[in-house]
N, C-alpha and C. Protein backbone atom coordinates (compact mmCIF):
# COMPACT_ATOMS: atom_id res chain seq x y z
N MET A 1 55.62 -23.18 0.02
CA MET A 1 54.44 -23.94 -0.31
C MET A 1 54.59 -24.53 -1.69
N SER A 2 54.03 -25.67 -1.82
CA SER A 2 54.15 -26.30 -3.13
C SER A 2 53.02 -25.84 -4.03
N GLU A 3 53.26 -26.07 -5.26
CA GLU A 3 52.27 -25.66 -6.27
C GLU A 3 50.99 -26.45 -6.11
N GLN A 4 51.10 -27.67 -5.75
CA GLN A 4 49.91 -28.51 -5.57
C GLN A 4 49.06 -28.00 -4.40
N LEU A 5 49.70 -27.60 -3.33
CA LEU A 5 48.99 -27.06 -2.18
C LEU A 5 48.29 -25.76 -2.55
N LEU A 6 48.94 -24.94 -3.32
CA LEU A 6 48.32 -23.69 -3.77
C LEU A 6 47.11 -23.97 -4.65
N LYS A 7 47.23 -24.99 -5.52
CA LYS A 7 46.09 -25.36 -6.37
C LYS A 7 44.93 -25.87 -5.52
N GLN A 8 45.24 -26.62 -4.48
CA GLN A 8 44.20 -27.12 -3.60
C GLN A 8 43.49 -25.95 -2.89
N ILE A 9 44.27 -25.04 -2.39
CA ILE A 9 43.70 -23.87 -1.71
C ILE A 9 42.84 -23.06 -2.68
N LEU A 10 43.36 -22.85 -3.89
CA LEU A 10 42.62 -22.11 -4.91
C LEU A 10 41.33 -22.85 -5.27
N ASN A 11 41.40 -24.16 -5.39
CA ASN A 11 40.21 -24.97 -5.69
C ASN A 11 39.18 -24.83 -4.57
N GLN A 12 39.65 -24.86 -3.32
CA GLN A 12 38.73 -24.71 -2.19
C GLN A 12 38.09 -23.31 -2.19
N PHE A 13 38.88 -22.31 -2.53
CA PHE A 13 38.32 -20.95 -2.64
C PHE A 13 37.26 -20.88 -3.72
N HIS A 14 37.52 -21.54 -4.87
CA HIS A 14 36.53 -21.55 -5.96
C HIS A 14 35.25 -22.26 -5.52
N GLN A 15 35.41 -23.39 -4.82
CA GLN A 15 34.23 -24.12 -4.34
C GLN A 15 33.44 -23.27 -3.33
N LEU A 16 34.17 -22.64 -2.44
CA LEU A 16 33.53 -21.77 -1.45
C LEU A 16 32.82 -20.60 -2.14
N ASN A 17 33.48 -20.05 -3.14
CA ASN A 17 32.89 -18.94 -3.91
C ASN A 17 31.61 -19.39 -4.60
N GLU A 18 31.62 -20.60 -5.18
CA GLU A 18 30.43 -21.13 -5.86
C GLU A 18 29.29 -21.33 -4.85
N LYS A 19 29.62 -21.86 -3.67
CA LYS A 19 28.61 -22.04 -2.64
C LYS A 19 28.02 -20.69 -2.20
N LEU A 20 28.89 -19.72 -2.06
CA LEU A 20 28.42 -18.39 -1.67
C LEU A 20 27.51 -17.79 -2.75
N VAL A 21 27.91 -17.94 -4.00
CA VAL A 21 27.09 -17.42 -5.11
C VAL A 21 25.74 -18.14 -5.14
N GLN A 22 25.76 -19.47 -4.97
CA GLN A 22 24.50 -20.23 -4.96
C GLN A 22 23.63 -19.80 -3.78
N GLY A 23 24.27 -19.65 -2.63
CA GLY A 23 23.52 -19.22 -1.44
C GLY A 23 22.92 -17.84 -1.64
N LEU A 24 23.69 -16.94 -2.22
CA LEU A 24 23.17 -15.59 -2.48
C LEU A 24 22.05 -15.62 -3.50
N ASP A 25 22.19 -16.48 -4.52
CA ASP A 25 21.11 -16.61 -5.52
C ASP A 25 19.84 -17.13 -4.86
N GLN A 26 19.98 -18.15 -4.01
CA GLN A 26 18.80 -18.69 -3.32
C GLN A 26 18.18 -17.65 -2.40
N LEU A 27 19.05 -16.93 -1.70
CA LEU A 27 18.56 -15.88 -0.82
C LEU A 27 17.85 -14.78 -1.61
N ASN A 28 18.41 -14.43 -2.73
CA ASN A 28 17.81 -13.41 -3.60
C ASN A 28 16.45 -13.88 -4.12
N GLN A 29 16.36 -15.15 -4.51
CA GLN A 29 15.08 -15.69 -4.98
C GLN A 29 14.05 -15.70 -3.86
N ARG A 30 14.47 -16.12 -2.68
CA ARG A 30 13.56 -16.14 -1.53
C ARG A 30 13.10 -14.72 -1.19
N LEU A 31 14.04 -13.80 -1.22
CA LEU A 31 13.71 -12.41 -0.94
C LEU A 31 12.72 -11.88 -1.98
N GLY A 32 12.92 -12.26 -3.23
CA GLY A 32 11.99 -11.84 -4.29
C GLY A 32 10.60 -12.40 -4.05
N ARG A 33 10.52 -13.68 -3.67
CA ARG A 33 9.21 -14.30 -3.39
C ARG A 33 8.53 -13.62 -2.21
N GLU A 34 9.30 -13.42 -1.16
CA GLU A 34 8.72 -12.80 0.04
C GLU A 34 8.32 -11.36 -0.23
N THR A 35 9.10 -10.66 -1.00
CA THR A 35 8.74 -9.29 -1.38
C THR A 35 7.45 -9.29 -2.18
N HIS A 36 7.33 -10.24 -3.09
CA HIS A 36 6.12 -10.36 -3.89
C HIS A 36 4.91 -10.66 -3.00
N GLN A 37 5.09 -11.57 -2.04
CA GLN A 37 4.02 -11.91 -1.11
C GLN A 37 3.63 -10.69 -0.27
N LEU A 38 4.63 -9.96 0.21
CA LEU A 38 4.34 -8.77 1.00
C LEU A 38 3.60 -7.73 0.17
N ASN A 39 4.02 -7.56 -1.07
CA ASN A 39 3.34 -6.61 -1.95
C ASN A 39 1.89 -7.02 -2.15
N GLU A 40 1.66 -8.32 -2.32
CA GLU A 40 0.28 -8.79 -2.47
C GLU A 40 -0.53 -8.54 -1.20
N LYS A 41 0.08 -8.80 -0.05
CA LYS A 41 -0.62 -8.56 1.21
C LYS A 41 -0.91 -7.07 1.39
N PHE A 42 0.05 -6.22 1.05
CA PHE A 42 -0.17 -4.78 1.16
C PHE A 42 -1.26 -4.33 0.19
N ASP A 43 -1.27 -4.90 -1.00
CA ASP A 43 -2.33 -4.57 -1.97
C ASP A 43 -3.69 -4.97 -1.43
N GLN A 44 -3.76 -6.17 -0.85
CA GLN A 44 -5.03 -6.63 -0.28
C GLN A 44 -5.46 -5.73 0.88
N LEU A 45 -4.49 -5.38 1.73
CA LEU A 45 -4.78 -4.51 2.86
C LEU A 45 -5.26 -3.14 2.37
N ASN A 46 -4.59 -2.63 1.37
CA ASN A 46 -4.97 -1.32 0.82
C ASN A 46 -6.37 -1.38 0.21
N GLN A 47 -6.69 -2.47 -0.47
CA GLN A 47 -8.02 -2.62 -1.04
C GLN A 47 -9.07 -2.70 0.06
N ARG A 48 -8.76 -3.45 1.11
CA ARG A 48 -9.70 -3.54 2.23
C ARG A 48 -9.89 -2.19 2.89
N LEU A 49 -8.78 -1.47 3.09
CA LEU A 49 -8.88 -0.15 3.70
C LEU A 49 -9.68 0.81 2.82
N ASP A 50 -9.43 0.77 1.52
CA ASP A 50 -10.19 1.61 0.61
C ASP A 50 -11.68 1.27 0.68
N HIS A 51 -11.98 -0.02 0.72
CA HIS A 51 -13.37 -0.45 0.80
C HIS A 51 -14.01 0.02 2.11
N GLU A 52 -13.28 -0.17 3.21
CA GLU A 52 -13.81 0.25 4.50
C GLU A 52 -13.97 1.76 4.58
N ILE A 53 -13.02 2.49 4.03
CA ILE A 53 -13.13 3.95 4.02
C ILE A 53 -14.33 4.37 3.18
N HIS A 54 -14.52 3.71 2.05
CA HIS A 54 -15.66 4.02 1.20
C HIS A 54 -16.97 3.75 1.97
N GLN A 55 -17.02 2.63 2.67
CA GLN A 55 -18.22 2.32 3.47
C GLN A 55 -18.42 3.34 4.58
N LEU A 56 -17.33 3.70 5.26
CA LEU A 56 -17.44 4.68 6.33
C LEU A 56 -17.87 6.04 5.80
N ASN A 57 -17.33 6.42 4.65
CA ASN A 57 -17.73 7.68 4.05
C ASN A 57 -19.22 7.67 3.75
N GLY A 58 -19.72 6.54 3.24
CA GLY A 58 -21.16 6.42 2.97
C GLY A 58 -21.97 6.55 4.26
N LYS A 59 -21.49 5.88 5.30
CA LYS A 59 -22.19 5.96 6.59
C LYS A 59 -22.15 7.38 7.15
N PHE A 60 -20.97 8.02 7.04
CA PHE A 60 -20.85 9.39 7.53
C PHE A 60 -21.73 10.34 6.73
N ASP A 61 -21.80 10.14 5.43
CA ASP A 61 -22.67 10.98 4.61
C ASP A 61 -24.12 10.81 5.05
N HIS A 62 -24.51 9.56 5.26
CA HIS A 62 -25.88 9.29 5.71
C HIS A 62 -26.13 9.95 7.08
N LEU A 63 -25.18 9.77 8.01
CA LEU A 63 -25.34 10.37 9.34
C LEU A 63 -25.36 11.90 9.27
N ASN A 64 -24.51 12.47 8.42
CA ASN A 64 -24.50 13.92 8.26
C ASN A 64 -25.83 14.42 7.73
N GLN A 65 -26.39 13.70 6.76
CA GLN A 65 -27.70 14.08 6.24
C GLN A 65 -28.76 13.98 7.33
N GLN A 66 -28.71 12.88 8.07
CA GLN A 66 -29.67 12.69 9.15
C GLN A 66 -29.51 13.77 10.21
N LEU A 67 -28.27 14.07 10.57
CA LEU A 67 -28.03 15.13 11.55
C LEU A 67 -28.51 16.48 11.03
N GLY A 68 -28.28 16.73 9.75
CA GLY A 68 -28.75 17.97 9.15
C GLY A 68 -30.26 18.09 9.24
N ARG A 69 -30.96 16.98 8.95
CA ARG A 69 -32.43 16.99 9.05
C ARG A 69 -32.86 17.22 10.50
N GLU A 70 -32.19 16.54 11.43
CA GLU A 70 -32.56 16.69 12.84
C GLU A 70 -32.27 18.11 13.34
N ILE A 71 -31.17 18.68 12.93
CA ILE A 71 -30.85 20.06 13.31
C ILE A 71 -31.90 21.01 12.73
N HIS A 72 -32.28 20.75 11.48
CA HIS A 72 -33.32 21.57 10.85
C HIS A 72 -34.63 21.45 11.62
N GLN A 73 -35.00 20.23 12.00
CA GLN A 73 -36.22 20.02 12.78
C GLN A 73 -36.14 20.71 14.13
N LEU A 74 -34.97 20.60 14.76
CA LEU A 74 -34.80 21.26 16.06
C LEU A 74 -34.87 22.77 15.93
N ASN A 75 -34.29 23.29 14.86
CA ASN A 75 -34.37 24.73 14.63
C ASN A 75 -35.82 25.15 14.39
N GLU A 76 -36.57 24.32 13.66
CA GLU A 76 -37.98 24.63 13.45
C GLU A 76 -38.74 24.61 14.77
N ARG A 77 -38.47 23.62 15.58
CA ARG A 77 -39.11 23.55 16.90
C ARG A 77 -38.73 24.75 17.75
N LEU A 78 -37.46 25.13 17.69
CA LEU A 78 -37.00 26.29 18.44
C LEU A 78 -37.71 27.55 17.96
N ASP A 79 -37.85 27.68 16.64
CA ASP A 79 -38.58 28.83 16.09
C ASP A 79 -40.02 28.84 16.58
N GLN A 80 -40.64 27.67 16.60
CA GLN A 80 -42.02 27.58 17.07
C GLN A 80 -42.12 27.98 18.54
N VAL A 81 -41.18 27.51 19.32
CA VAL A 81 -41.18 27.84 20.75
C VAL A 81 -41.00 29.35 20.92
N GLU A 82 -40.06 29.91 20.17
CA GLU A 82 -39.82 31.36 20.27
C GLU A 82 -41.05 32.14 19.83
N ASN A 83 -41.72 31.69 18.77
CA ASN A 83 -42.93 32.38 18.32
C ASN A 83 -44.04 32.29 19.37
N ASN A 84 -44.16 31.11 19.99
CA ASN A 84 -45.17 30.96 21.03
C ASN A 84 -44.86 31.83 22.23
N MET A 85 -43.61 31.98 22.54
CA MET A 85 -43.25 32.82 23.67
C MET A 85 -43.59 34.27 23.39
N ALA A 86 -43.39 34.71 22.18
CA ALA A 86 -43.64 36.11 21.85
C ALA A 86 -45.13 36.43 21.91
N THR A 87 -45.98 35.46 21.59
CA THR A 87 -47.42 35.73 21.54
C THR A 87 -48.15 35.24 22.78
N LYS A 88 -47.50 34.51 23.62
CA LYS A 88 -48.16 33.90 24.78
C LYS A 88 -48.41 34.96 25.85
N GLU A 89 -49.61 34.97 26.33
CA GLU A 89 -49.96 35.94 27.38
C GLU A 89 -49.87 35.31 28.76
N ASP A 90 -49.95 34.03 28.77
CA ASP A 90 -49.93 33.34 30.06
C ASP A 90 -48.48 33.13 30.50
N VAL A 91 -48.06 33.87 31.50
CA VAL A 91 -46.67 33.78 31.97
C VAL A 91 -46.41 32.53 32.80
N ALA A 92 -47.41 31.80 33.13
CA ALA A 92 -47.22 30.59 33.92
C ALA A 92 -46.49 29.51 33.12
N ASP A 93 -46.66 29.55 31.78
CA ASP A 93 -46.01 28.56 30.92
C ASP A 93 -44.58 28.95 30.53
N LEU A 94 -44.15 30.14 30.86
CA LEU A 94 -42.80 30.60 30.47
C LEU A 94 -41.68 29.67 30.97
N PRO A 95 -41.69 29.16 32.18
CA PRO A 95 -40.62 28.25 32.60
C PRO A 95 -40.56 26.98 31.75
N LEU A 96 -41.72 26.45 31.35
CA LEU A 96 -41.72 25.26 30.51
C LEU A 96 -41.17 25.56 29.13
N ILE A 97 -41.54 26.68 28.60
CA ILE A 97 -41.05 27.08 27.27
C ILE A 97 -39.55 27.33 27.32
N LYS A 98 -39.12 27.99 28.38
CA LYS A 98 -37.69 28.26 28.54
C LYS A 98 -36.89 26.95 28.60
N ARG A 99 -37.43 25.98 29.31
CA ARG A 99 -36.76 24.68 29.42
C ARG A 99 -36.70 23.98 28.07
N ALA A 100 -37.78 24.07 27.29
CA ALA A 100 -37.80 23.45 25.95
C ALA A 100 -36.75 24.09 25.04
N VAL A 101 -36.60 25.38 25.13
CA VAL A 101 -35.59 26.09 24.32
C VAL A 101 -34.19 25.64 24.74
N LEU A 102 -33.95 25.54 26.04
CA LEU A 102 -32.63 25.09 26.51
C LEU A 102 -32.35 23.65 26.10
N ASP A 103 -33.37 22.79 26.20
CA ASP A 103 -33.20 21.40 25.77
C ASP A 103 -32.88 21.32 24.28
N ALA A 104 -33.60 22.12 23.48
CA ALA A 104 -33.34 22.13 22.04
C ALA A 104 -31.93 22.63 21.76
N SER A 105 -31.52 23.65 22.47
CA SER A 105 -30.17 24.19 22.29
C SER A 105 -29.12 23.15 22.68
N ASP A 106 -29.35 22.44 23.78
CA ASP A 106 -28.43 21.38 24.20
C ASP A 106 -28.37 20.28 23.15
N SER A 107 -29.52 19.92 22.60
CA SER A 107 -29.56 18.88 21.56
C SER A 107 -28.77 19.32 20.33
N ILE A 108 -28.95 20.57 19.96
CA ILE A 108 -28.22 21.09 18.79
C ILE A 108 -26.72 21.06 19.06
N LYS A 109 -26.33 21.47 20.25
CA LYS A 109 -24.90 21.46 20.60
C LYS A 109 -24.33 20.04 20.55
N ARG A 110 -25.09 19.06 21.08
CA ARG A 110 -24.63 17.66 21.04
C ARG A 110 -24.51 17.17 19.61
N LEU A 111 -25.48 17.52 18.78
CA LEU A 111 -25.43 17.09 17.38
C LEU A 111 -24.25 17.73 16.66
N GLU A 112 -23.99 18.99 16.95
CA GLU A 112 -22.84 19.66 16.33
C GLU A 112 -21.54 19.01 16.79
N GLU A 113 -21.45 18.62 18.06
CA GLU A 113 -20.25 17.94 18.56
C GLU A 113 -20.07 16.59 17.88
N ILE A 114 -21.18 15.87 17.72
CA ILE A 114 -21.12 14.57 17.02
C ILE A 114 -20.63 14.78 15.60
N GLN A 115 -21.15 15.79 14.94
CA GLN A 115 -20.77 16.06 13.56
C GLN A 115 -19.28 16.42 13.47
N GLU A 116 -18.79 17.21 14.42
CA GLU A 116 -17.36 17.56 14.43
C GLU A 116 -16.50 16.32 14.69
N ASN A 117 -16.93 15.47 15.57
CA ASN A 117 -16.21 14.23 15.86
C ASN A 117 -16.14 13.34 14.62
N GLN A 118 -17.24 13.25 13.91
CA GLN A 118 -17.26 12.45 12.69
C GLN A 118 -16.29 13.02 11.66
N GLN A 119 -16.22 14.32 11.57
CA GLN A 119 -15.30 14.94 10.61
C GLN A 119 -13.86 14.63 11.00
N ARG A 120 -13.56 14.63 12.30
CA ARG A 120 -12.20 14.28 12.74
C ARG A 120 -11.88 12.83 12.37
N ILE A 121 -12.86 11.95 12.51
CA ILE A 121 -12.66 10.54 12.16
C ILE A 121 -12.40 10.41 10.66
N ILE A 122 -13.18 11.13 9.85
CA ILE A 122 -12.98 11.10 8.39
C ILE A 122 -11.58 11.59 8.05
N ASP A 123 -11.15 12.67 8.68
CA ASP A 123 -9.81 13.21 8.42
C ASP A 123 -8.73 12.20 8.82
N LEU A 124 -8.91 11.54 9.95
CA LEU A 124 -7.95 10.53 10.41
C LEU A 124 -7.88 9.36 9.44
N LEU A 125 -9.02 8.88 9.00
CA LEU A 125 -9.04 7.76 8.06
C LEU A 125 -8.41 8.15 6.73
N SER A 126 -8.65 9.37 6.29
CA SER A 126 -8.03 9.83 5.04
C SER A 126 -6.52 9.88 5.20
N ALA A 127 -6.05 10.38 6.33
CA ALA A 127 -4.61 10.44 6.57
C ALA A 127 -4.00 9.05 6.60
N ARG A 128 -4.70 8.10 7.24
CA ARG A 128 -4.20 6.72 7.28
C ARG A 128 -4.13 6.12 5.88
N SER A 129 -5.14 6.38 5.09
CA SER A 129 -5.15 5.85 3.72
C SER A 129 -3.97 6.40 2.93
N ILE A 130 -3.72 7.70 3.07
CA ILE A 130 -2.60 8.34 2.37
C ILE A 130 -1.29 7.75 2.88
N GLN A 131 -1.20 7.53 4.19
CA GLN A 131 0.02 6.95 4.76
C GLN A 131 0.24 5.54 4.23
N HIS A 132 -0.81 4.73 4.15
CA HIS A 132 -0.68 3.37 3.65
C HIS A 132 -0.26 3.38 2.18
N GLU A 133 -0.83 4.28 1.40
CA GLU A 133 -0.45 4.37 0.00
C GLU A 133 1.04 4.75 -0.14
N ALA A 134 1.48 5.67 0.71
CA ALA A 134 2.87 6.08 0.67
C ALA A 134 3.78 4.92 1.07
N GLU A 135 3.38 4.15 2.08
CA GLU A 135 4.18 2.99 2.48
C GLU A 135 4.24 1.96 1.37
N LEU A 136 3.13 1.75 0.70
CA LEU A 136 3.10 0.78 -0.41
C LEU A 136 4.03 1.24 -1.53
N LYS A 137 3.97 2.51 -1.85
CA LYS A 137 4.86 3.02 -2.90
C LYS A 137 6.31 2.90 -2.49
N ARG A 138 6.58 3.14 -1.22
CA ARG A 138 7.96 3.05 -0.73
C ARG A 138 8.45 1.60 -0.78
N ILE A 139 7.57 0.67 -0.46
CA ILE A 139 7.95 -0.76 -0.46
C ILE A 139 8.19 -1.25 -1.89
N LYS A 140 7.33 -0.81 -2.79
CA LYS A 140 7.47 -1.26 -4.19
C LYS A 140 8.71 -0.65 -4.76
């Protein structure tokens, strides 16, 4: 091979190398922009999730308070029914009183199930929030 041919090949390699470096620089810049955009989107998503979790926690707190009041009222009604049963001389009303006690007990059980379900939802949302935060940290 002649020296001129070798110089041509070397020149072509240099040109190819420059194109590759430019391409990698452009790719790196694009990757940086897209990473930045993704980070912004994840930040926005995390803020929305935090806001929604905060709202849900407020709603759950309100519902828990309401359920607590209703359970307290039902317990008071149950106490009244039990007191009336103990002092009632007329046995004809016993089936009605018994039914009221069972209904109150069923209502209490349903309210307790609702409260347990809400707690599971709160736990799930908390776990999701922690998972999203971990993903964001991993991405950054």
